[in-house]
N, C-alpha and C. Protein backbone atom coordinates (compact mmCIF):
# COMPACT_ATOMS: atom_id res chain seq x y z
N MET A 1 0.86 -1.18 0.04
CA MET A 1 0.02 0.03 -0.01
C MET A 1 0.87 1.19 -0.04
N GLU A 2 0.62 2.14 -0.92
CA GLU A 2 1.28 3.30 -0.83
C GLU A 2 1.19 4.16 0.30
N ASN A 3 2.12 5.09 0.58
CA ASN A 3 2.01 5.88 1.96
C ASN A 3 0.86 6.74 1.89
N ARG A 4 0.77 7.45 0.46
CA ARG A 4 -0.32 8.59 0.66
C ARG A 4 -1.65 7.94 0.91
N LYS A 5 -2.03 6.72 0.18
CA LYS A 5 -3.36 5.94 0.29
C LYS A 5 -3.43 5.67 1.97
N PHE A 6 -2.42 5.15 2.35
CA PHE A 6 -2.30 4.57 3.83
C PHE A 6 -2.66 5.91 4.93
N LEU A 7 -2.25 7.12 4.66
CA LEU A 7 -2.46 8.16 5.30
C LEU A 7 -3.87 8.77 5.43
N PHE A 8 -4.30 8.84 4.13
CA PHE A 8 -5.67 9.16 3.98
C PHE A 8 -6.62 7.90 4.65
N TYR A 9 -6.29 6.84 4.41
CA TYR A 9 -7.38 5.99 5.01
C TYR A 9 -7.03 5.96 6.67
N LEU A 10 -5.84 6.17 7.22
CA LEU A 10 -5.63 6.45 8.48
C LEU A 10 -6.52 7.50 9.14
N LEU A 11 -6.60 8.78 8.29
CA LEU A 11 -7.40 9.79 8.94
C LEU A 11 -8.77 9.43 8.85
N TYR A 12 -9.27 8.87 7.98
CA TYR A 12 -10.60 8.32 7.71
C TYR A 12 -11.00 7.42 8.79
N SER A 13 -10.17 6.35 8.99
CA SER A 13 -10.64 5.50 9.99
C SER A 13 -10.46 6.15 11.58
N ALA A 14 -9.62 7.01 11.67
CA ALA A 14 -9.71 7.71 13.13
C ALA A 14 -10.91 8.57 13.30
N LEU A 15 -11.35 9.13 12.27
CA LEU A 15 -12.70 10.05 12.30
C LEU A 15 -13.76 9.13 12.42
N ILE A 16 -13.81 8.08 12.04
CA ILE A 16 -14.91 7.08 12.18
C ILE A 16 -15.08 6.55 13.51
N GLU A 17 -13.77 6.29 14.08
CA GLU A 17 -13.71 5.87 15.52
C GLU A 17 -14.10 7.17 16.43
N ILE A 18 -13.62 8.17 16.09
CA ILE A 18 -14.01 9.39 16.83
C ILE A 18 -15.51 9.60 16.72
N ARG A 19 -16.06 9.41 15.64
CA ARG A 19 -17.66 9.60 15.51
C ARG A 19 -18.27 8.50 16.45
N GLU A 20 -17.99 7.44 16.27
CA GLU A 20 -18.43 6.18 17.16
C GLU A 20 -18.37 6.52 18.75
N GLU A 21 -17.35 6.83 19.31
CA GLU A 21 -17.14 6.92 20.49
C GLU A 21 -17.78 8.25 20.92
N ALA A 22 -17.91 9.50 20.01
CA ALA A 22 -18.90 10.52 20.59
C ALA A 22 -20.22 10.26 20.59
N TYR A 23 -20.86 9.41 19.62
CA TYR A 23 -22.13 8.74 19.68
C TYR A 23 -22.26 8.05 21.06
N ASN A 24 -21.16 7.27 21.38
CA ASN A 24 -21.42 6.26 22.53
C ASN A 24 -21.53 7.05 23.83
N ILE A 25 -20.65 8.16 23.88
CA ILE A 25 -20.79 9.15 25.21
C ILE A 25 -21.53 10.23 25.05
N GLY A 26 -22.45 10.33 23.90
CA GLY A 26 -23.25 11.45 23.70
C GLY A 26 -22.79 12.65 23.56
N ASN A 27 -21.54 12.77 23.18
CA ASN A 27 -21.21 14.07 22.73
C ASN A 27 -21.54 14.54 21.30
N LYS A 28 -22.59 15.26 21.34
CA LYS A 28 -23.26 15.85 19.87
C LYS A 28 -22.30 16.67 19.19
N LYS A 29 -21.57 17.58 19.66
CA LYS A 29 -20.64 18.39 18.85
C LYS A 29 -19.63 17.43 18.19
N ILE A 30 -18.97 16.79 19.09
CA ILE A 30 -17.83 16.01 18.37
C ILE A 30 -18.46 14.98 17.37
N PHE A 31 -19.55 14.29 17.45
CA PHE A 31 -20.26 13.49 16.71
C PHE A 31 -20.54 14.10 15.23
N ARG A 32 -21.15 15.40 15.52
CA ARG A 32 -21.36 16.14 14.22
C ARG A 32 -20.11 16.61 13.35
N LEU A 33 -19.24 16.98 13.99
CA LEU A 33 -18.02 17.30 13.34
C LEU A 33 -17.46 16.21 12.77
N SER A 34 -17.19 15.03 13.33
CA SER A 34 -16.64 13.89 12.78
C SER A 34 -17.43 13.24 11.86
N ASP A 35 -18.90 13.29 11.81
CA ASP A 35 -19.68 12.89 10.91
C ASP A 35 -19.53 13.68 9.63
N TYR A 36 -19.25 14.79 9.78
CA TYR A 36 -19.12 15.78 8.69
C TYR A 36 -17.94 15.83 7.82
N LEU A 37 -16.93 15.41 8.56
CA LEU A 37 -15.49 15.36 8.03
C LEU A 37 -15.01 13.99 7.55
N HIS A 38 -15.70 12.91 8.15
CA HIS A 38 -15.02 11.50 8.11
C HIS A 38 -14.78 11.20 6.60
N ASN A 39 -15.42 11.52 5.59
CA ASN A 39 -15.11 11.17 4.16
C ASN A 39 -14.17 11.99 3.51
N LEU A 40 -13.75 13.09 4.11
CA LEU A 40 -12.82 14.15 3.41
C LEU A 40 -11.66 13.63 3.16
N PRO A 41 -10.83 12.66 4.02
CA PRO A 41 -9.51 12.10 3.57
C PRO A 41 -9.76 11.27 2.25
N LEU A 42 -10.80 10.48 2.11
CA LEU A 42 -10.90 9.52 0.96
C LEU A 42 -11.29 10.57 -0.27
N VAL A 43 -12.18 11.46 -0.17
CA VAL A 43 -12.51 12.68 -1.19
C VAL A 43 -11.20 13.32 -1.65
N LEU A 44 -10.29 13.66 -0.59
CA LEU A 44 -8.86 14.31 -1.08
C LEU A 44 -8.11 13.22 -1.81
N GLU A 45 -8.23 12.14 -1.47
CA GLU A 45 -7.35 11.01 -2.17
C GLU A 45 -7.68 10.94 -3.57
N ASN A 46 -9.06 10.98 -3.78
CA ASN A 46 -9.69 10.46 -5.05
C ASN A 46 -9.83 11.66 -5.98
N ARG A 47 -10.02 12.95 -5.44
CA ARG A 47 -10.36 14.05 -6.22
C ARG A 47 -9.56 15.25 -5.89
N GLY A 48 -8.38 15.18 -5.11
CA GLY A 48 -7.74 16.24 -4.63
C GLY A 48 -6.37 16.62 -5.38
N GLU A 49 -6.30 16.45 -6.66
CA GLU A 49 -4.84 16.39 -7.21
C GLU A 49 -4.70 18.00 -7.67
N SER A 50 -5.66 18.74 -8.21
CA SER A 50 -5.45 20.02 -8.55
C SER A 50 -6.20 21.13 -7.74
N GLU A 51 -5.70 22.35 -7.77
CA GLU A 51 -6.30 23.47 -6.90
C GLU A 51 -7.77 23.60 -7.56
N HIS A 52 -8.08 23.39 -8.77
CA HIS A 52 -9.58 23.31 -8.99
C HIS A 52 -10.46 22.41 -8.62
N GLN A 53 -9.71 21.32 -8.33
CA GLN A 53 -10.59 20.05 -7.75
C GLN A 53 -10.79 20.44 -6.12
N ILE A 54 -9.57 21.01 -5.60
CA ILE A 54 -9.70 21.30 -4.13
C ILE A 54 -10.83 22.37 -4.03
N GLU A 55 -10.79 23.42 -4.90
CA GLU A 55 -11.92 24.42 -4.72
C GLU A 55 -13.49 23.97 -4.76
N GLU A 56 -13.40 22.99 -5.57
CA GLU A 56 -14.68 22.37 -5.84
C GLU A 56 -15.08 21.46 -4.45
N ILE A 57 -14.13 20.86 -3.85
CA ILE A 57 -14.32 20.03 -2.59
C ILE A 57 -14.82 21.15 -1.49
N VAL A 58 -14.10 22.17 -1.58
CA VAL A 58 -14.31 23.21 -0.46
C VAL A 58 -15.80 23.57 -0.73
N GLN A 59 -15.97 24.20 -1.91
CA GLN A 59 -17.53 24.48 -2.09
C GLN A 59 -18.59 23.36 -1.65
N GLU A 60 -18.18 22.19 -2.00
CA GLU A 60 -19.12 21.20 -1.58
C GLU A 60 -19.23 20.97 -0.03
N LEU A 61 -18.11 21.05 0.67
CA LEU A 61 -18.23 21.19 2.01
C LEU A 61 -18.91 22.37 2.76
N GLU A 62 -18.86 23.32 2.08
CA GLU A 62 -19.49 24.59 2.51
C GLU A 62 -21.19 24.46 2.34
N GLU A 63 -21.53 23.85 1.13
CA GLU A 63 -22.76 23.49 1.03
C GLU A 63 -23.34 22.55 1.90
N LEU A 64 -22.74 21.62 2.11
CA LEU A 64 -22.93 20.47 3.21
C LEU A 64 -23.06 21.20 4.67
N ALA A 65 -22.20 22.01 4.86
CA ALA A 65 -22.14 22.65 6.31
C ALA A 65 -23.31 23.62 6.40
N LYS A 66 -23.85 24.10 5.25
CA LYS A 66 -25.06 25.02 5.38
C LYS A 66 -26.17 24.13 5.81
N HIS A 67 -26.30 22.91 5.08
CA HIS A 67 -27.41 22.12 5.52
C HIS A 67 -27.36 21.36 6.76
N ASP A 68 -26.02 21.13 7.21
CA ASP A 68 -25.92 20.65 8.53
C ASP A 68 -25.70 21.36 9.75
N GLY A 69 -25.90 22.84 9.45
CA GLY A 69 -25.89 23.87 10.33
C GLY A 69 -24.34 24.01 11.03
N LEU A 70 -23.41 23.90 10.08
CA LEU A 70 -21.91 23.78 10.42
C LEU A 70 -21.26 25.02 9.83
N ILE A 71 -21.96 25.75 9.21
CA ILE A 71 -21.33 27.03 8.29
C ILE A 71 -20.61 27.85 9.04
N ASN A 72 -21.21 28.34 10.41
CA ASN A 72 -20.63 29.09 11.12
C ASN A 72 -19.22 28.52 11.62
N TRP A 73 -19.06 27.30 11.93
CA TRP A 73 -17.75 26.69 12.45
C TRP A 73 -16.79 26.64 11.20
N ILE A 74 -17.23 26.37 9.90
CA ILE A 74 -16.31 26.53 8.82
C ILE A 74 -15.89 28.03 8.63
N ASN A 75 -16.81 28.89 8.71
CA ASN A 75 -16.19 30.30 8.69
C ASN A 75 -15.32 30.75 9.62
N GLN A 76 -15.51 30.44 10.69
CA GLN A 76 -14.59 30.78 11.96
C GLN A 76 -13.25 30.09 11.55
N ILE A 77 -13.16 28.83 11.11
CA ILE A 77 -11.99 28.34 10.70
C ILE A 77 -11.09 29.17 9.64
N LYS A 78 -11.96 29.52 8.62
CA LYS A 78 -11.43 30.30 7.42
C LYS A 78 -11.08 31.50 7.95
N GLU A 79 -11.63 32.11 8.78
CA GLU A 79 -11.43 33.52 9.24
C GLU A 79 -9.88 33.49 10.03
N SER A 80 -9.76 32.23 10.84
CA SER A 80 -8.57 32.33 11.89
C SER A 80 -7.57 32.09 10.75
N LEU A 81 -7.64 31.47 9.45
CA LEU A 81 -6.57 31.47 8.61
C LEU A 81 -6.44 32.54 7.72
N GLY A 82 -7.28 33.66 7.75
CA GLY A 82 -7.32 34.69 6.99
C GLY A 82 -8.00 34.52 5.74
N ALA A 83 -8.70 33.64 5.49
CA ALA A 83 -9.14 33.13 4.09
C ALA A 83 -10.61 33.91 4.11
N HIS A 84 -10.96 34.35 3.03
CA HIS A 84 -12.56 34.91 2.95
C HIS A 84 -13.10 34.34 1.70
């Protein structure tokens, strides 16, 4: 297995386990965040080669964040990085 694929799958697996544990202990915030992000490593592995593809992924995440009530969290992260 190539290292790049391994690292993406490692992140994916960790987010799945975090999501499961958050569900088990009733931590809704951590559950929502890990549920929202758990597929991102695999999406990046499969579609994250060019800057254009990265922009599309960010737009898709923002749309999903609006639907899931996480857009404020996304905007706070972007602001902390100086992104607009």
